[in-house]
Amino acid sequence: MTSEDGTLFGISAALVGDVDGDGFSELLIGATGLFWVDRGNGFLVFGKADWRSEVVEQLVQSGETLQINSVKDKDSLGFSVTAVGDFNGDGVADLALSAQAGSLEFAGESYVIFGGKHLRGAPPLELAELGDRGVRIRGEIGYDEAVDIAPAGDFNGDGRQDLLVSGGNFMTDDNPFPARSFVVFGGTQGMVDLGKLGENGFRIHTGELAQSVGGTDFNGDGFDDVVVRGDAFLYVIFGSVVEAPFIRGDSNNSGDVDLTDAVTILLYLFLGTVELKCKDAADVDDNGSLEITDAIRLRLYLFVGSELPPAIPYPDAGGDPTTDTLSCRG
């Protein structure tokens, strides 16, 4: 496969799985152009049975390839591309690519694009207008070039695939921070700032070099682990359930504890019409199970003046002091 332009076409490439659901895997190709000079592009080439020598621009015209356009000039989009797996939990494979000079002052920017049949035959995808069709991930600080991306597997065990992003390898007076990697959890939406991940992921400090290697279950505990390359070592970080801080009794994650939380618990227990993102918060008495007594205790405390408030952490957010099978993923 070739390009009529050809300027660094194919500098990165990855098979990204069956993005459009037709049984064939797709190929994602990066074409950065000249670094810090050209916009760069990504090309999602849809799989098929009958291949021959192809020119990618002709495949775009025929609808057999989706062209992906950068946010702005001189972005060098396509520096790194990777399969992600099912990032948003809809059962369809997703894909990711990065722009070396994306965001402000070369902080770098990466993009997760959600898969689906709508991508085939679609007009060029403008990443500036990605919206709810994917996730836009900004580097933490100028000259980070946080654009080295790799699949992280399901690190936190929530059933969605995560993304590994590394950068910070160019230390300057403007960027004195050491190199670091970030795990961005699947299910994250909208615009993400790596400096403000919060419950959407976490940071790994590696020294003077950080490169993403990937994720798999290295220790056989059922959670995928991530591997990053540092300046002199490879680091394996074991996956696990990542607990988010919560307020006991705040079963609907509103930030307040009120009557609606008791109602939410009852709806979950008896009608199954709501999903509890944080079951620990609904376990009002912290006995390790969800029961009608949790809703009763909360109602008695709020309206009857019972001396039994929700168990710790309450009224401030915190972690669960008790080991049990419930979890809180934010």
Protein backbone atom coordinates (compact mmCIF):
# COMPACT_ATOMS: atom_id res chain seq x y z
CA MET A 1 0.00 0.00 0.00
CA THR A 2 1.29 3.42 -0.93
CA SER A 3 0.32 7.09 -0.74
CA GLU A 4 0.34 9.69 -3.50
CA ASP A 5 1.91 12.11 -1.01
CA GLY A 6 4.13 9.56 0.70
CA THR A 7 5.65 11.91 3.29
CA LEU A 8 6.25 9.52 6.19
CA PHE A 9 3.22 7.46 5.20
CA GLY A 10 3.25 4.29 7.28
CA ILE A 11 5.52 5.64 10.02
CA SER A 12 3.15 3.76 12.34
CA ALA A 13 0.67 0.97 11.66
CA ALA A 14 -1.40 -1.49 13.67
CA LEU A 15 -4.13 -4.06 13.15
CA VAL A 16 -6.97 -2.76 15.32
CA GLY A 17 -9.54 -5.54 15.21
CA ASP A 18 -12.97 -5.70 13.57
CA VAL A 19 -14.03 -2.08 14.01
CA ASP A 20 -17.05 -2.19 11.67
CA GLY A 21 -18.39 -5.65 12.51
CA ASP A 22 -18.00 -7.26 9.07
CA GLY A 23 -15.70 -10.09 10.21
CA PHE A 24 -12.47 -8.55 8.87
CA SER A 25 -9.85 -6.77 10.95
CA GLU A 26 -8.98 -3.20 10.05
CA LEU A 27 -5.55 -1.62 9.57
CA LEU A 28 -4.76 1.81 11.08
CA ILE A 29 -1.91 3.72 9.42
CA GLY A 30 -0.20 6.90 10.56
CA ALA A 31 1.18 9.49 8.12
CA THR A 32 2.69 12.31 10.15
CA GLY A 33 4.32 14.25 7.34
CA LEU A 34 7.34 16.25 8.45
CA PHE A 35 7.48 16.52 12.23
CA TRP A 36 6.26 19.86 13.64
CA VAL A 37 5.64 21.04 10.06
CA ASP A 38 2.71 19.05 8.64
CA ARG A 39 -0.75 18.33 10.01
CA GLY A 40 -0.48 14.58 9.58
CA ASN A 41 -3.29 12.09 9.02
CA GLY A 42 -4.53 8.72 10.08
CA PHE A 43 -6.03 6.19 7.69
CA LEU A 44 -8.36 3.41 8.83
CA VAL A 45 -8.24 0.80 6.06
CA PHE A 46 -11.23 -1.52 6.22
CA GLY A 47 -10.46 -5.23 5.86
CA LYS A 48 -11.60 -7.27 2.89
CA ALA A 49 -10.81 -10.57 1.17
CA ASP A 50 -9.42 -9.39 -2.18
CA TRP A 51 -6.31 -7.25 -1.74
CA ARG A 52 -3.90 -5.97 -4.35
CA SER A 53 -1.47 -3.08 -4.55
CA GLU A 54 -3.46 -0.10 -3.29
CA VAL A 55 -3.12 3.69 -3.16
CA VAL A 56 -4.63 4.95 0.07
CA GLU A 57 -6.10 8.16 -1.38
CA GLN A 58 -8.03 6.07 -3.91
CA LEU A 59 -9.35 3.88 -1.09
CA VAL A 60 -10.56 7.01 0.69
CA GLN A 61 -12.43 8.10 -2.44
CA SER A 62 -14.10 4.69 -2.78
CA GLY A 63 -15.16 4.59 0.88
CA GLU A 64 -12.89 1.64 1.70
CA THR A 65 -10.72 3.78 3.98
CA LEU A 66 -11.60 6.42 6.54
CA GLN A 67 -9.31 9.46 6.56
CA ILE A 68 -8.71 10.97 10.01
CA ASN A 69 -7.71 14.64 10.08
CA SER A 70 -5.73 16.42 12.78
CA VAL A 71 -7.07 19.14 15.05
CA LYS A 72 -4.68 21.85 13.82
CA ASP A 73 -1.68 22.62 11.64
CA LYS A 74 1.73 21.11 12.47
CA ASP A 75 0.20 18.45 14.76
CA SER A 76 2.06 15.49 13.17
CA LEU A 77 -0.97 13.24 13.66
CA GLY A 78 -0.21 9.52 13.28
CA PHE A 79 2.98 9.47 15.36
CA SER A 80 1.68 6.40 17.18
CA VAL A 81 -1.33 4.17 16.45
CA THR A 82 -2.69 1.18 18.30
CA ALA A 83 -5.55 -1.21 18.80
CA VAL A 84 -7.41 -0.56 22.03
CA GLY A 85 -10.05 -3.25 22.28
CA ASP A 86 -13.51 -2.33 23.54
CA PHE A 87 -12.77 0.92 25.40
CA ASN A 88 -16.34 2.14 25.87
CA GLY A 89 -18.02 -1.19 26.59
CA ASP A 90 -20.35 -1.34 23.58
CA GLY A 91 -19.00 -4.68 22.31
CA VAL A 92 -17.15 -3.16 19.32
CA ALA A 93 -13.39 -2.75 18.92
CA ASP A 94 -12.06 0.81 19.21
CA LEU A 95 -8.81 2.38 17.99
CA ALA A 96 -6.38 5.10 19.04
CA LEU A 97 -3.78 7.38 17.46
CA SER A 98 -1.71 10.32 18.65
CA ALA A 99 -0.38 13.67 17.47
CA GLN A 100 3.19 14.41 18.55
CA ALA A 101 2.73 18.20 18.52
CA GLY A 102 -0.93 18.14 19.50
CA SER A 103 -2.46 20.37 22.15
CA LEU A 104 -0.60 23.47 23.38
CA GLU A 105 3.20 23.80 23.21
CA PHE A 106 3.85 20.23 22.09
CA ALA A 107 2.14 18.68 25.10
CA GLY A 108 0.93 15.93 22.77
CA GLU A 109 -2.57 14.65 22.25
CA SER A 110 -4.03 11.17 21.83
CA TYR A 111 -7.45 10.15 20.57
CA VAL A 112 -9.61 7.09 21.13
CA ILE A 113 -12.11 6.65 18.30
CA PHE A 114 -15.11 4.45 19.03
CA GLY A 115 -15.72 1.69 16.51
CA GLY A 116 -18.96 1.04 14.66
CA LYS A 117 -20.52 0.46 11.26
CA HIS A 118 -20.93 4.22 10.85
CA LEU A 119 -17.21 4.61 10.16
CA ARG A 120 -17.30 2.75 6.83
CA GLY A 121 -18.08 5.07 3.94
CA ALA A 122 -18.09 8.11 6.23
CA PRO A 123 -16.54 11.47 5.23
CA PRO A 124 -13.13 12.32 6.74
CA LEU A 125 -13.25 12.33 10.52
CA GLU A 126 -12.27 15.71 11.95
CA LEU A 127 -10.74 15.12 15.37
CA ALA A 128 -11.55 18.71 16.33
CA GLU A 129 -15.21 17.62 16.15
CA LEU A 130 -14.78 14.17 17.74
CA GLY A 131 -17.31 14.88 20.50
CA ASP A 132 -19.02 11.80 21.92
CA ARG A 133 -17.63 9.60 19.14
CA GLY A 134 -14.42 9.15 21.12
CA VAL A 135 -12.07 10.53 23.76
CA ARG A 136 -9.52 13.32 23.38
CA ILE A 137 -6.53 13.01 25.76
CA ARG A 138 -4.24 16.00 26.33
CA GLY A 139 -0.65 15.92 27.57
CA GLU A 140 0.01 17.27 31.04
CA ILE A 141 2.42 20.10 30.26
CA GLY A 142 4.19 21.77 27.33
CA TYR A 143 6.84 19.68 25.54
CA ASP A 144 5.56 16.48 27.16
CA GLU A 145 4.88 14.83 23.80
CA ALA A 146 2.68 12.38 25.72
CA VAL A 147 1.90 10.37 22.61
CA ASP A 148 3.46 6.90 22.99
CA ILE A 149 0.33 4.76 23.23
CA ALA A 150 -0.39 1.05 23.71
CA PRO A 151 -3.31 -1.12 24.83
CA ALA A 152 -3.35 -1.60 28.61
CA GLY A 153 -5.84 -4.48 28.72
CA ASP A 154 -8.50 -4.39 31.43
CA PHE A 155 -6.27 -3.14 34.25
CA ASN A 156 -9.02 -2.35 36.77
CA GLY A 157 -11.28 -5.31 35.99
CA ASP A 158 -14.37 -3.34 34.98
CA GLY A 159 -14.88 -5.19 31.70
CA ARG A 160 -13.61 -2.34 29.51
CA GLN A 161 -10.20 -2.06 27.90
CA ASP A 162 -7.83 0.69 29.05
CA LEU A 163 -5.15 2.77 27.29
CA LEU A 164 -1.49 3.31 28.21
CA VAL A 165 0.01 6.73 27.34
CA SER A 166 3.65 7.70 27.92
CA GLY A 167 5.59 10.95 27.54
CA GLY A 168 7.70 13.54 29.25
CA ASN A 169 10.94 12.29 27.69
CA PHE A 170 12.20 15.72 26.64
CA MET A 171 13.25 17.63 29.76
CA THR A 172 13.63 21.38 29.23
CA ASP A 173 13.52 24.48 31.41
CA ASP A 174 9.80 24.62 30.61
CA ASN A 175 9.28 20.93 31.40
CA PRO A 176 11.39 19.81 34.37
CA PHE A 177 9.09 16.89 35.19
CA PRO A 178 10.46 13.36 34.93
CA ALA A 179 9.17 10.98 32.29
CA ARG A 180 5.94 9.25 33.18
CA SER A 181 3.22 6.98 31.90
CA PHE A 182 -0.53 7.11 32.43
CA VAL A 183 -3.23 4.47 32.45
CA VAL A 184 -6.52 5.92 31.15
CA PHE A 185 -9.43 3.73 32.18
CA GLY A 186 -11.96 2.52 29.64
CA GLY A 187 -15.30 4.24 29.88
CA THR A 188 -13.68 7.65 30.16
CA GLN A 189 -15.50 10.19 27.98
CA GLY A 190 -15.03 13.61 26.43
CA MET A 191 -11.89 15.67 26.96
CA VAL A 192 -9.26 14.27 29.34
CA ASP A 193 -6.29 16.15 30.80
CA LEU A 194 -3.55 13.75 31.89
CA GLY A 195 -2.69 16.15 34.71
CA LYS A 196 -6.22 15.85 36.11
CA LEU A 197 -7.15 12.21 35.60
CA GLY A 198 -8.81 11.71 38.98
CA GLU A 199 -10.93 8.56 38.89
CA ASN A 200 -10.30 8.18 35.15
CA GLY A 201 -6.83 6.68 35.64
CA PHE A 202 -3.46 7.13 37.32
CA ARG A 203 0.16 8.19 36.74
CA ILE A 204 3.37 6.10 36.78
CA HIS A 205 6.74 7.84 37.32
CA THR A 206 9.60 6.05 35.56
CA GLY A 207 12.59 8.43 35.68
CA GLU A 208 14.15 9.91 32.54
CA LEU A 209 12.43 7.69 29.97
CA ALA A 210 8.89 6.40 29.58
CA GLN A 211 7.71 4.15 26.75
CA SER A 212 4.46 2.21 26.56
CA VAL A 213 4.86 -1.53 26.04
CA GLY A 214 1.36 -2.88 26.64
CA GLY A 215 -0.88 -4.87 28.95
CA THR A 216 -1.64 -8.52 29.65
CA ASP A 217 -2.25 -10.75 32.68
CA PHE A 218 1.38 -11.30 33.68
CA ASN A 219 0.79 -12.81 37.13
CA GLY A 220 -2.32 -14.87 36.43
CA ASP A 221 -4.65 -13.16 38.90
CA GLY A 222 -7.35 -12.36 36.36
CA PHE A 223 -6.41 -8.67 36.01
CA ASP A 224 -4.41 -7.34 33.09
CA ASP A 225 -1.09 -5.74 34.06
CA VAL A 226 0.79 -2.97 32.26
CA VAL A 227 4.43 -2.87 31.20
CA VAL A 228 6.33 0.39 30.71
CA ARG A 229 9.97 0.90 29.77
CA GLY A 230 12.01 3.25 31.94
CA ASP A 231 15.55 4.57 31.53
CA ALA A 232 17.22 1.33 32.66
CA PHE A 233 14.39 -1.05 33.56
CA LEU A 234 11.11 -2.55 32.47
CA TYR A 235 8.36 -2.01 35.03
CA VAL A 236 5.35 -4.31 35.45
CA ILE A 237 2.45 -2.78 37.38
CA PHE A 238 -0.05 -5.40 38.50
CA GLY A 239 -3.69 -4.71 37.75
CA SER A 240 -6.40 -4.72 40.40
CA VAL A 241 -9.76 -3.21 41.21
CA VAL A 242 -9.13 0.52 41.60
CA GLU A 243 -11.40 1.86 44.28
CA ALA A 244 -12.72 5.40 43.95
CA PRO A 245 -13.33 7.52 47.07
CA PHE A 246 -16.99 7.71 48.07
CA ILE A 247 -19.42 8.99 50.71
CA ARG A 248 -21.23 6.21 52.54
CA GLY A 249 -24.95 6.49 51.80
CA ASP A 250 -24.49 8.42 48.54
CA SER A 251 -25.77 5.50 46.47
CA ASN A 252 -26.58 7.61 43.38
CA ASN A 253 -23.18 9.39 43.32
CA SER A 254 -24.74 12.85 43.52
CA GLY A 255 -22.32 14.14 46.15
CA ASP A 256 -25.11 14.45 48.75
CA VAL A 257 -26.85 11.96 51.03
CA ASP A 258 -30.62 12.36 50.96
CA LEU A 259 -33.91 10.52 50.46
CA THR A 260 -33.17 9.75 46.81
CA ASP A 261 -30.27 7.56 47.94
CA ALA A 262 -32.58 5.36 50.02
CA VAL A 263 -34.94 5.14 47.03
CA THR A 264 -32.03 4.22 44.75
CA ILE A 265 -31.09 1.31 47.02
CA LEU A 266 -34.67 0.00 47.02
CA LEU A 267 -34.97 0.31 43.24
CA TYR A 268 -31.73 -1.65 42.84
CA LEU A 269 -32.75 -4.39 45.28
CA PHE A 270 -36.36 -4.95 44.26
CA LEU A 271 -36.93 -3.62 40.74
CA GLY A 272 -33.45 -3.74 39.18
CA THR A 273 -34.16 -0.48 37.38
CA VAL A 274 -30.95 1.30 38.40
CA GLU A 275 -27.27 0.44 38.20
CA LEU A 276 -25.07 1.09 41.22
CA LYS A 277 -21.70 2.41 40.12
CA CYS A 278 -20.52 2.39 43.74
CA LYS A 279 -21.98 -0.50 45.71
CA ASP A 280 -19.81 0.37 48.70
CA ALA A 281 -21.67 3.67 49.02
CA ALA A 282 -25.01 1.82 49.12
CA ASP A 283 -23.76 -0.52 51.87
CA VAL A 284 -24.87 1.97 54.53
CA ASP A 285 -24.04 -0.24 57.52
CA ASP A 286 -20.78 -1.57 55.95
CA ASN A 287 -21.61 -5.22 56.58
CA GLY A 288 -20.40 -6.27 53.13
CA SER A 289 -23.79 -6.89 51.53
CA LEU A 290 -26.66 -4.84 50.14
CA GLU A 291 -29.95 -5.32 51.98
CA ILE A 292 -33.21 -3.52 52.73
CA THR A 293 -31.75 -2.62 56.12
CA ASP A 294 -29.34 -0.23 54.35
CA ALA A 295 -32.23 1.84 53.00
CA ILE A 296 -34.03 1.68 56.39
CA ARG A 297 -30.97 2.83 58.35
CA LEU A 298 -30.44 5.74 55.98
CA ARG A 299 -34.10 6.80 56.15
CA LEU A 300 -34.16 6.59 59.95
CA TYR A 301 -31.04 8.71 60.23
CA LEU A 302 -32.26 11.38 57.80
CA PHE A 303 -35.87 11.74 58.96
CA VAL A 304 -36.35 10.19 62.39
CA GLY A 305 -33.18 11.37 64.05
CA SER A 306 -31.57 8.00 64.60
CA GLU A 307 -28.16 8.09 66.26
CA LEU A 308 -26.82 5.61 63.69
CA PRO A 309 -25.38 7.59 60.76
CA PRO A 310 -23.95 5.82 57.71
CA ALA A 311 -20.70 4.01 58.49
CA ILE A 312 -17.32 5.53 57.66
CA PRO A 313 -16.55 7.18 55.22
CA TYR A 314 -19.25 9.70 56.13
CA PRO A 315 -19.83 12.64 55.86
CA ASP A 316 -16.56 13.13 53.97
CA ALA A 317 -15.43 11.02 51.03
CA GLY A 318 -12.84 8.32 51.57
CA GLY A 319 -11.99 4.68 51.02
CA ASP A 320 -13.70 1.60 52.41
CA PRO A 321 -12.02 0.60 55.70
CA THR A 322 -13.49 -2.90 55.44
CA THR A 323 -12.41 -5.68 53.09
CA ASP A 324 -15.43 -7.12 51.27
CA THR A 325 -16.63 -8.15 47.82
CA LEU A 326 -18.27 -4.81 47.03
CA SER A 327 -16.47 -2.18 44.98
CA CYS A 328 -16.58 1.45 44.00
CA ARG A 329 -15.37 2.52 40.57
CA GLY A 330 -16.60 6.09 40.53
